[in-house]
PDB file of N, CA and C in Angstrom:
ATOM      1  N   UNK A   1       9.906 -14.782  18.590  1.00  0.00           N
ATOM      2  CA  UNK A   1       9.157 -15.131  17.400  1.00  0.00           C
ATOM      3  C   UNK A   1       7.785 -14.479  17.466  1.00  0.00           C
ATOM      4  N   UNK A   2       7.441 -13.637  16.491  1.00  0.00           N
ATOM      5  CA  UNK A   2       6.136 -12.972  16.519  1.00  0.00           C
ATOM      6  C   UNK A   2       4.995 -13.954  16.235  1.00  0.00           C
ATOM      7  N   UNK A   3       3.826 -13.573  16.641  1.00  0.00           N
ATOM      8  CA  UNK A   3       2.645 -14.407  16.415  1.00  0.00           C
ATOM      9  C   UNK A   3       2.324 -14.490  14.932  1.00  0.00           C
ATOM     10  N   UNK A   4       1.481 -15.456  14.572  1.00  0.00           N
ATOM     11  CA  UNK A   4       1.170 -15.695  13.165  1.00  0.00           C
ATOM     12  C   UNK A   4       0.472 -14.505  12.509  1.00  0.00           C
ATOM     13  N   UNK A   5      -0.466 -13.875  13.173  1.00  0.00           N
ATOM     14  CA  UNK A   5      -1.205 -12.752  12.605  1.00  0.00           C
ATOM     15  C   UNK A   5      -0.592 -11.401  12.901  1.00  0.00           C
ATOM     16  N   UNK A   6       0.661 -11.375  13.315  1.00  0.00           N
ATOM     17  CA  UNK A   6       1.341 -10.143  13.710  1.00  0.00           C
ATOM     18  C   UNK A   6       1.511  -9.207  12.514  1.00  0.00           C
ATOM     19  N   UNK A   7       1.181  -7.927  12.723  1.00  0.00           N
ATOM     20  CA  UNK A   7       1.381  -6.885  11.710  1.00  0.00           C
ATOM     21  C   UNK A   7       2.271  -5.814  12.329  1.00  0.00           C
ATOM     22  N   UNK A   8       3.410  -5.494  11.690  1.00  0.00           N
ATOM     23  CA  UNK A   8       4.284  -4.450  12.251  1.00  0.00           C
ATOM     24  C   UNK A   8       3.594  -3.087  12.256  1.00  0.00           C
ATOM     25  N   UNK A   9       3.969  -2.261  13.220  1.00  0.00           N
ATOM     26  CA  UNK A   9       3.374  -0.921  13.339  1.00  0.00           C
ATOM     27  C   UNK A   9       3.618  -0.084  12.096  1.00  0.00           C
ATOM     28  N   UNK A  10       4.710  -0.355  11.389  1.00  0.00           N
ATOM     29  CA  UNK A  10       5.045   0.397  10.184  1.00  0.00           C
ATOM     30  C   UNK A  10       4.009   0.178   9.066  1.00  0.00           C
ATOM     31  N   UNK A  11       3.363  -0.991   9.061  1.00  0.00           N
ATOM     32  CA  UNK A  11       2.410  -1.316   7.996  1.00  0.00           C
ATOM     33  C   UNK A  11       0.953  -1.068   8.381  1.00  0.00           C
ATOM     34  N   UNK A  12       0.678  -0.856   9.642  1.00  0.00           N
ATOM     35  CA  UNK A  12      -0.711  -0.649  10.083  1.00  0.00           C
ATOM     36  C   UNK A  12      -1.388   0.550   9.419  1.00  0.00           C
ATOM     37  N   UNK A  13      -0.699   1.689   9.247  1.00  0.00           N
ATOM     38  CA  UNK A  13      -1.379   2.810   8.566  1.00  0.00           C
ATOM     39  C   UNK A  13      -1.821   2.460   7.140  1.00  0.00           C
ATOM     40  N   UNK A  14      -1.063   1.617   6.451  1.00  0.00           N
ATOM     41  CA  UNK A  14      -1.438   1.221   5.090  1.00  0.00           C
ATOM     42  C   UNK A  14      -2.696   0.365   5.103  1.00  0.00           C
ATOM     43  N   UNK A  15      -2.802  -0.525   6.065  1.00  0.00           N
ATOM     44  CA  UNK A  15      -3.976  -1.389   6.167  1.00  0.00           C
ATOM     45  C   UNK A  15      -5.201  -0.566   6.527  1.00  0.00           C
ATOM     46  N   UNK A  16      -5.033   0.365   7.462  1.00  0.00           N
ATOM     47  CA  UNK A  16      -6.141   1.238   7.852  1.00  0.00           C
ATOM     48  C   UNK A  16      -6.580   2.125   6.690  1.00  0.00           C
ATOM     49  N   UNK A  17      -5.619   2.652   5.930  1.00  0.00           N
ATOM     50  CA  UNK A  17      -5.950   3.497   4.778  1.00  0.00           C
ATOM     51  C   UNK A  17      -6.685   2.700   3.710  1.00  0.00           C
ATOM     52  N   UNK A  18      -6.276   1.454   3.516  1.00  0.00           N
ATOM     53  CA  UNK A  18      -6.948   0.603   2.521  1.00  0.00           C
ATOM     54  C   UNK A  18      -8.410   0.419   2.880  1.00  0.00           C
ATOM     55  N   UNK A  19      -8.684   0.197   4.166  1.00  0.00           N
ATOM     56  CA  UNK A  19     -10.067  -0.001   4.608  1.00  0.00           C
ATOM     57  C   UNK A  19     -10.858   1.307   4.571  1.00  0.00           C
ATOM     58  N   UNK A  20     -10.249   2.380   5.067  1.00  0.00           N
ATOM     59  CA  UNK A  20     -10.956   3.659   5.194  1.00  0.00           C
ATOM     60  C   UNK A  20     -11.301   4.273   3.845  1.00  0.00           C
ATOM     61  N   UNK A  21     -10.376   4.190   2.882  1.00  0.00           N
ATOM     62  CA  UNK A  21     -10.576   4.849   1.598  1.00  0.00           C
ATOM     63  C   UNK A  21     -10.962   3.874   0.485  1.00  0.00           C
ATOM     64  N   UNK A  22     -11.275   2.627   0.850  1.00  0.00           N
ATOM     65  CA  UNK A  22     -11.741   1.605  -0.083  1.00  0.00           C
ATOM     66  C   UNK A  22     -10.773   1.413  -1.251  1.00  0.00           C
ATOM     67  N   UNK A  23      -9.504   1.225  -0.914  1.00  0.00           N
ATOM     68  CA  UNK A  23      -8.473   1.008  -1.926  1.00  0.00           C
ATOM     69  C   UNK A  23      -8.260  -0.487  -2.137  1.00  0.00           C
ATOM     70  N   UNK A  24      -7.848  -0.852  -3.330  1.00  0.00           N
ATOM     71  CA  UNK A  24      -7.511  -2.241  -3.608  1.00  0.00           C
ATOM     72  C   UNK A  24      -6.066  -2.497  -3.184  1.00  0.00           C
ATOM     73  N   UNK A  25      -5.693  -3.767  -3.168  1.00  0.00           N
ATOM     74  CA  UNK A  25      -4.310  -4.112  -2.833  1.00  0.00           C
ATOM     75  C   UNK A  25      -3.353  -3.506  -3.858  1.00  0.00           C
ATOM     76  N   UNK A  26      -3.765  -3.485  -5.115  1.00  0.00           N
ATOM     77  CA  UNK A  26      -2.925  -2.918  -6.167  1.00  0.00           C
ATOM     78  C   UNK A  26      -2.725  -1.415  -5.945  1.00  0.00           C
ATOM     79  N   UNK A  27      -3.777  -0.713  -5.567  1.00  0.00           N
ATOM     80  CA  UNK A  27      -3.664   0.729  -5.347  1.00  0.00           C
ATOM     81  C   UNK A  27      -2.790   1.042  -4.137  1.00  0.00           C
ATOM     82  N   UNK A  28      -2.853   0.219  -3.099  1.00  0.00           N
ATOM     83  CA  UNK A  28      -1.986   0.410  -1.939  1.00  0.00           C
ATOM     84  C   UNK A  28      -0.535   0.177  -2.345  1.00  0.00           C
ATOM     85  N   UNK A  29      -0.300  -0.857  -3.131  1.00  0.00           N
ATOM     86  CA  UNK A  29       1.058  -1.136  -3.589  1.00  0.00           C
ATOM     87  C   UNK A  29       1.580  -0.006  -4.471  1.00  0.00           C
ATOM     88  N   UNK A  30       0.723   0.528  -5.331  1.00  0.00           N
ATOM     89  CA  UNK A  30       1.122   1.660  -6.175  1.00  0.00           C
ATOM     90  C   UNK A  30       1.506   2.854  -5.309  1.00  0.00           C
ATOM     91  N   UNK A  31       0.688   3.160  -4.312  1.00  0.00           N
ATOM     92  CA  UNK A  31       0.950   4.304  -3.434  1.00  0.00           C
ATOM     93  C   UNK A  31       2.256   4.103  -2.667  1.00  0.00           C
ATOM     94  N   UNK A  32       2.526   2.886  -2.221  1.00  0.00           N
ATOM     95  CA  UNK A  32       3.781   2.622  -1.511  1.00  0.00           C
ATOM     96  C   UNK A  32       4.976   2.804  -2.436  1.00  0.00           C
ATOM     97  N   UNK A  33       4.860   2.335  -3.684  1.00  0.00           N
ATOM     98  CA  UNK A  33       5.953   2.486  -4.643  1.00  0.00           C
ATOM     99  C   UNK A  33       6.172   3.954  -5.009  1.00  0.00           C
ATOM    100  N   UNK A  34       5.107   4.738  -4.977  1.00  0.00           N
ATOM    101  CA  UNK A  34       5.227   6.175  -5.259  1.00  0.00           C
ATOM    102  C   UNK A  34       5.795   6.943  -4.068  1.00  0.00           C
ATOM    103  N   UNK A  35       5.847   6.303  -2.905  1.00  0.00           N
ATOM    104  CA  UNK A  35       6.376   6.964  -1.713  1.00  0.00           C
ATOM    105  C   UNK A  35       5.360   7.860  -1.038  1.00  0.00           C
ATOM    106  N   UNK A  36       4.085   7.570  -1.220  1.00  0.00           N
ATOM    107  CA  UNK A  36       3.037   8.384  -0.602  1.00  0.00           C
ATOM    108  C   UNK A  36       2.922   8.066   0.882  1.00  0.00           C
ATOM    109  N   UNK A  37       2.374   9.007   1.635  1.00  0.00           N
ATOM    110  CA  UNK A  37       2.181   8.863   3.071  1.00  0.00           C
ATOM    111  C   UNK A  37       0.703   8.552   3.322  1.00  0.00           C
ATOM    112  N   UNK A  38       0.396   7.388   3.919  1.00  0.00           N
ATOM    113  CA  UNK A  38      -1.010   7.042   4.140  1.00  0.00           C
ATOM    114  C   UNK A  38      -1.715   7.973   5.119  1.00  0.00           C
ATOM    115  N   UNK A  39      -0.961   8.655   5.959  1.00  0.00           N
ATOM    116  CA  UNK A  39      -1.568   9.589   6.908  1.00  0.00           C
ATOM    117  C   UNK A  39      -2.061  10.857   6.219  1.00  0.00           C
ATOM    118  N   UNK A  40      -1.618  11.119   5.008  1.00  0.00           N
ATOM    119  CA  UNK A  40      -2.016  12.315   4.263  1.00  0.00           C
ATOM    120  C   UNK A  40      -3.153  12.052   3.276  1.00  0.00           C
ATOM    121  N   UNK A  41      -3.642  10.823   3.222  1.00  0.00           N
ATOM    122  CA  UNK A  41      -4.687  10.487   2.261  1.00  0.00           C
ATOM    123  C   UNK A  41      -5.980  11.260   2.498  1.00  0.00           C
ATOM    124  N   UNK A  42      -6.253  11.651   3.729  1.00  0.00           N
ATOM    125  CA  UNK A  42      -7.476  12.387   4.034  1.00  0.00           C
ATOM    126  C   UNK A  42      -7.555  13.706   3.286  1.00  0.00           C
ATOM    127  N   UNK A  43      -6.427  14.393   3.157  1.00  0.00           N
ATOM    128  CA  UNK A  43      -6.443  15.672   2.436  1.00  0.00           C
ATOM    129  C   UNK A  43      -6.507  15.460   0.929  1.00  0.00           C
ATOM    130  N   UNK A  44      -6.080  14.292   0.460  1.00  0.00           N
ATOM    131  CA  UNK A  44      -6.136  14.001  -0.971  1.00  0.00           C
ATOM    132  C   UNK A  44      -7.498  13.459  -1.388  1.00  0.00           C
ATOM    133  N   UNK A  45      -8.251  12.938  -0.427  1.00  0.00           N
ATOM    134  CA  UNK A  45      -9.491  12.238  -0.745  1.00  0.00           C
ATOM    135  C   UNK A  45     -10.749  13.077  -0.566  1.00  0.00           C
ATOM    136  N   UNK A  46     -10.637  14.388  -0.531  1.00  0.00           N
ATOM    137  CA  UNK A  46     -11.840  15.198  -0.343  1.00  0.00           C
ATOM    138  C   UNK A  46     -12.370  15.725  -1.677  1.00  0.00           C
ATOM    139  N   UNK A  47     -12.569  14.829  -2.627  1.00  0.00           N
ATOM    140  CA  UNK A  47     -13.042  15.222  -3.958  1.00  0.00           C
ATOM    141  C   UNK A  47     -14.514  15.643  -3.948  1.00  0.00           C
ATOM    142  N   UNK A  48     -15.238  15.332  -2.876  1.00  0.00           N
ATOM    143  CA  UNK A  48     -16.637  15.767  -2.807  1.00  0.00           C
ATOM    144  C   UNK A  48     -16.729  17.240  -2.438  1.00  0.00           C
ATOM    145  N   UNK A  49     -15.782  17.721  -1.626  1.00  0.00           N
ATOM    146  CA  UNK A  49     -15.767  19.130  -1.254  1.00  0.00           C
ATOM    147  C   UNK A  49     -15.082  19.969  -2.320  1.00  0.00           C
ATOM    148  N   UNK A  50     -14.007  19.435  -2.873  1.00  0.00           N
ATOM    149  CA  UNK A  50     -13.260  20.144  -3.907  1.00  0.00           C
ATOM    150  C   UNK A  50     -13.454  19.389  -5.214  1.00  0.00           C
ATOM    151  N   UNK A  51     -14.400  19.861  -5.995  1.00  0.00           N
ATOM    152  CA  UNK A  51     -14.874  19.144  -7.180  1.00  0.00           C
ATOM    153  C   UNK A  51     -13.788  18.904  -8.230  1.00  0.00           C
ATOM    154  N   UNK A  52     -12.758  19.722  -8.232  1.00  0.00           N
ATOM    155  CA  UNK A  52     -11.721  19.610  -9.242  1.00  0.00           C
ATOM    156  C   UNK A  52     -10.754  18.458  -8.968  1.00  0.00           C
ATOM    157  N   UNK A  53     -10.791  17.888  -7.750  1.00  0.00           N
ATOM    158  CA  UNK A  53      -9.885  16.790  -7.416  1.00  0.00           C
ATOM    159  C   UNK A  53     -10.422  15.458  -7.920  1.00  0.00           C
ATOM    160  N   UNK A  54      -9.486  14.585  -8.300  1.00  0.00           N
ATOM    161  CA  UNK A  54      -9.851  13.215  -8.656  1.00  0.00           C
ATOM    162  C   UNK A  54     -10.112  12.417  -7.380  1.00  0.00           C
ATOM    163  N   UNK A  55     -10.963  11.400  -7.451  1.00  0.00           N
ATOM    164  CA  UNK A  55     -11.081  10.499  -6.303  1.00  0.00           C
ATOM    165  C   UNK A  55      -9.722   9.829  -6.038  1.00  0.00           C
ATOM    166  N   UNK A  56      -9.444   9.517  -4.791  1.00  0.00           N
ATOM    167  CA  UNK A  56      -8.131   9.019  -4.391  1.00  0.00           C
ATOM    168  C   UNK A  56      -7.668   7.794  -5.187  1.00  0.00           C
ATOM    169  N   UNK A  57      -8.503   6.762  -5.390  1.00  0.00           N
ATOM    170  CA  UNK A  57      -8.022   5.615  -6.164  1.00  0.00           C
ATOM    171  C   UNK A  57      -7.592   5.993  -7.589  1.00  0.00           C
ATOM    172  N   UNK A  58      -8.374   6.853  -8.233  1.00  0.00           N
ATOM    173  CA  UNK A  58      -8.022   7.296  -9.589  1.00  0.00           C
ATOM    174  C   UNK A  58      -6.755   8.147  -9.572  1.00  0.00           C
ATOM    175  N   UNK A  59      -6.593   8.966  -8.544  1.00  0.00           N
ATOM    176  CA  UNK A  59      -5.418   9.825  -8.416  1.00  0.00           C
ATOM    177  C   UNK A  59      -4.146   8.983  -8.298  1.00  0.00           C
ATOM    178  N   UNK A  60      -4.199   7.948  -7.466  1.00  0.00           N
ATOM    179  CA  UNK A  60      -3.046   7.066  -7.293  1.00  0.00           C
ATOM    180  C   UNK A  60      -2.713   6.362  -8.599  1.00  0.00           C
ATOM    181  N   UNK A  61      -3.739   5.839  -9.281  1.00  0.00           N
ATOM    182  CA  UNK A  61      -3.518   5.141 -10.552  1.00  0.00           C
ATOM    183  C   UNK A  61      -2.944   6.083 -11.605  1.00  0.00           C
ATOM    184  N   UNK A  62      -3.445   7.313 -11.635  1.00  0.00           N
ATOM    185  CA  UNK A  62      -2.965   8.301 -12.595  1.00  0.00           C
ATOM    186  C   UNK A  62      -1.494   8.646 -12.343  1.00  0.00           C
ATOM    187  N   UNK A  63      -1.132   8.893 -11.086  1.00  0.00           N
ATOM    188  CA  UNK A  63       0.264   9.190 -10.744  1.00  0.00           C
ATOM    189  C   UNK A  63       1.183   8.021 -11.089  1.00  0.00           C
ATOM    190  N   UNK A  64       0.740   6.814 -10.790  1.00  0.00           N
ATOM    191  CA  UNK A  64       1.555   5.627 -11.060  1.00  0.00           C
ATOM    192  C   UNK A  64       1.791   5.475 -12.562  1.00  0.00           C
ATOM    193  N   UNK A  65       0.741   5.710 -13.328  1.00  0.00           N
ATOM    194  CA  UNK A  65       0.860   5.577 -14.787  1.00  0.00           C
ATOM    195  C   UNK A  65       1.821   6.625 -15.338  1.00  0.00           C
ATOM    196  N   UNK A  66       1.766   7.844 -14.820  1.00  0.00           N
ATOM    197  CA  UNK A  66       2.666   8.903 -15.276  1.00  0.00           C
ATOM    198  C   UNK A  66       4.118   8.596 -14.915  1.00  0.00           C
ATOM    199  N   UNK A  67       4.352   8.124 -13.704  1.00  0.00           N
ATOM    200  CA  UNK A  67       5.725   7.907 -13.237  1.00  0.00           C
ATOM    201  C   UNK A  67       6.363   6.674 -13.848  1.00  0.00           C
ATOM    202  N   UNK A  68       5.619   5.556 -13.897  1.00  0.00           N
ATOM    203  CA  UNK A  68       6.217   4.290 -14.301  1.00  0.00           C
ATOM    204  C   UNK A  68       5.802   3.825 -15.697  1.00  0.00           C
ATOM    205  N   UNK A  69       4.920   4.559 -16.357  1.00  0.00           N
ATOM    206  CA  UNK A  69       4.438   4.224 -17.700  1.00  0.00           C
ATOM    207  C   UNK A  69       3.864   2.822 -17.793  1.00  0.00           C
ATOM    208  N   UNK A  70       3.168   2.390 -16.764  1.00  0.00           N
ATOM    209  CA  UNK A  70       2.427   1.131 -16.799  1.00  0.00           C
ATOM    210  C   UNK A  70       1.202   1.261 -15.914  1.00  0.00           C
ATOM    211  N   UNK A  71       0.207   0.432 -16.186  1.00  0.00           N
ATOM    212  CA  UNK A  71      -1.076   0.557 -15.507  1.00  0.00           C
ATOM    213  C   UNK A  71      -1.037   0.026 -14.074  1.00  0.00           C
ATOM    214  N   UNK A  72      -0.363  -1.126 -13.862  1.00  0.00           N
ATOM    215  CA  UNK A  72      -0.333  -1.751 -12.550  1.00  0.00           C
ATOM    216  C   UNK A  72       1.041  -2.325 -12.277  1.00  0.00           C
ATOM    217  N   UNK A  73       1.356  -2.566 -11.005  1.00  0.00           N
ATOM    218  CA  UNK A  73       2.613  -3.250 -10.683  1.00  0.00           C
ATOM    219  C   UNK A  73       2.604  -4.665 -11.260  1.00  0.00           C
ATOM    220  N   UNK A  74       3.787  -5.199 -11.480  1.00  0.00           N
ATOM    221  CA  UNK A  74       3.889  -6.533 -12.069  1.00  0.00           C
ATOM    222  C   UNK A  74       3.396  -7.626 -11.121  1.00  0.00           C
ATOM    223  N   UNK A  75       3.747  -7.524  -9.857  1.00  0.00           N
ATOM    224  CA  UNK A  75       3.417  -8.558  -8.876  1.00  0.00           C
ATOM    225  C   UNK A  75       2.570  -7.935  -7.771  1.00  0.00           C
ATOM    226  N   UNK A  76       1.258  -8.154  -7.823  1.00  0.00           N
ATOM    227  CA  UNK A  76       0.346  -7.535  -6.866  1.00  0.00           C
ATOM    228  C   UNK A  76       0.085  -8.509  -5.720  1.00  0.00           C
ATOM    229  N   UNK A  77       0.460  -8.079  -4.507  1.00  0.00           N
ATOM    230  CA  UNK A  77       0.198  -8.845  -3.292  1.00  0.00           C
ATOM    231  C   UNK A  77      -0.178  -7.875  -2.191  1.00  0.00           C
ATOM    232  N   UNK A  78      -0.956  -8.348  -1.238  1.00  0.00           N
ATOM    233  CA  UNK A  78      -1.374  -7.470  -0.146  1.00  0.00           C
ATOM    234  C   UNK A  78      -0.199  -7.177   0.778  1.00  0.00           C
ATOM    235  N   UNK A  79      -0.355  -6.157   1.586  1.00  0.00           N
ATOM    236  CA  UNK A  79       0.678  -5.747   2.535  1.00  0.00           C
ATOM    237  C   UNK A  79       0.940  -6.878   3.524  1.00  0.00           C
ATOM    238  N   UNK A  80      -0.116  -7.543   3.962  1.00  0.00           N
ATOM    239  CA  UNK A  80       0.024  -8.624   4.930  1.00  0.00           C
ATOM    240  C   UNK A  80       0.817  -9.791   4.353  1.00  0.00           C
ATOM    241  N   UNK A  81       0.527 -10.155   3.104  1.00  0.00           N
ATOM    242  CA  UNK A  81       1.223 -11.271   2.463  1.00  0.00           C
ATOM    243  C   UNK A  81       2.693 -10.929   2.246  1.00  0.00           C
ATOM    244  N   UNK A  82       2.969  -9.718   1.788  1.00  0.00           N
ATOM    245  CA  UNK A  82       4.364  -9.300   1.588  1.00  0.00           C
ATOM    246  C   UNK A  82       5.150  -9.363   2.899  1.00  0.00           C
ATOM    247  N   UNK A  83       4.550  -8.902   3.989  1.00  0.00           N
ATOM    248  CA  UNK A  83       5.237  -8.918   5.272  1.00  0.00           C
ATOM    249  C   UNK A  83       5.462 -10.351   5.752  1.00  0.00           C
ATOM    250  N   UNK A  84       4.476 -11.217   5.584  1.00  0.00           N
ATOM    251  CA  UNK A  84       4.630 -12.614   6.001  1.00  0.00           C
ATOM    252  C   UNK A  84       5.759 -13.292   5.223  1.00  0.00           C
ATOM    253  N   UNK A  85       5.838 -13.033   3.918  1.00  0.00           N
ATOM    254  CA  UNK A  85       6.900 -13.620   3.106  1.00  0.00           C
ATOM    255  C   UNK A  85       8.265 -13.075   3.514  1.00  0.00           C
ATOM    256  N   UNK A  86       8.321 -11.782   3.826  1.00  0.00           N
ATOM    257  CA  UNK A  86       9.584 -11.176   4.254  1.00  0.00           C
ATOM    258  C   UNK A  86      10.068 -11.796   5.560  1.00  0.00           C
ATOM    259  N   UNK A  87       9.136 -11.966   6.531  1.00  0.00           N
ATOM    260  CA  UNK A  87       9.520 -12.575   7.803  1.00  0.00           C
ATOM    261  C   UNK A  87       9.934 -14.031   7.618  1.00  0.00           C
ATOM    262  N   UNK A  88       9.274 -14.738   6.701  1.00  0.00           N
ATOM    263  CA  UNK A  88       9.614 -16.137   6.431  1.00  0.00           C
ATOM    264  C   UNK A  88      11.029 -16.240   5.842  1.00  0.00           C
ATOM    265  N   UNK A  89      11.355 -15.365   4.876  1.00  0.00           N
ATOM    266  CA  UNK A  89      12.703 -15.363   4.286  1.00  0.00           C
ATOM    267  C   UNK A  89      13.757 -15.035   5.333  1.00  0.00           C
ATOM    268  N   UNK A  90      13.444 -14.077   6.209  1.00  0.00           N
ATOM    269  CA  UNK A  90      14.387 -13.680   7.249  1.00  0.00           C
ATOM    270  C   UNK A  90      14.637 -14.839   8.217  1.00  0.00           C
ATOM    271  N   UNK A  91      13.586 -15.557   8.578  1.00  0.00           N
ATOM    272  CA  UNK A  91      13.712 -16.700   9.470  1.00  0.00           C
ATOM    273  C   UNK A  91      14.529 -17.812   8.819  1.00  0.00           C
ATOM    274  N   UNK A  92      14.304 -18.047   7.525  1.00  0.00           N
ATOM    275  CA  UNK A  92      15.064 -19.077   6.810  1.00  0.00           C
ATOM    276  C   UNK A  92      16.532 -18.705   6.710  1.00  0.00           C
ATOM    277  N   UNK A  93      16.846 -17.438   6.499  1.00  0.00           N
ATOM    278  CA  UNK A  93      18.237 -17.026   6.416  1.00  0.00           C
ATOM    279  C   UNK A  93      18.938 -17.161   7.771  1.00  0.00           C
ATOM    280  N   UNK A  94      18.197 -16.934   8.873  1.00  0.00           N
ATOM    281  CA  UNK A  94      18.768 -17.136  10.201  1.00  0.00           C
ATOM    282  C   UNK A  94      19.052 -18.609  10.450  1.00  0.00           C
ATOM    283  N   UNK A  95      18.150 -19.480   9.973  1.00  0.00           N
ATOM    284  CA  UNK A  95      18.327 -20.918  10.162  1.00  0.00           C
ATOM    285  C   UNK A  95      19.527 -21.438   9.371  1.00  0.00           C
ATOM    286  N   UNK A  96      19.784 -20.871   8.208  1.00  0.00           N
ATOM    287  CA  UNK A  96      20.896 -21.307   7.370  1.00  0.00           C
ATOM    288  C   UNK A  96      22.233 -20.903   7.956  1.00  0.00           C
ATOM    289  N   UNK A  97      22.261 -19.826   8.716  1.00  0.00           N
ATOM    290  CA  UNK A  97      23.541 -19.352   9.290  1.00  0.00           C
ATOM    291  C   UNK A  97      23.851 -20.033  10.544  1.00  0.00           C
TER     292      UNK A  97
END
């Protein structure tokens, strides 16, 4: 049984990217739904050096709007909350079996 504050290694890059690039929970969720790689955000976020680029948060929102034709995801939750709920459901399904 993992500890209460446990974060899987698969989700740590998303949490670090959220802090480093000042993204909201909604923008992180949008990027995950778009299939973006958080390790590549550094090359996308250099709008100060390359003036023609959009800032990363605006870029993610713009891509999401183009792909899904909506401004934000329907159910916005942080990565940590989603993982905790997933582990809780998995534990409950094990208990039922």
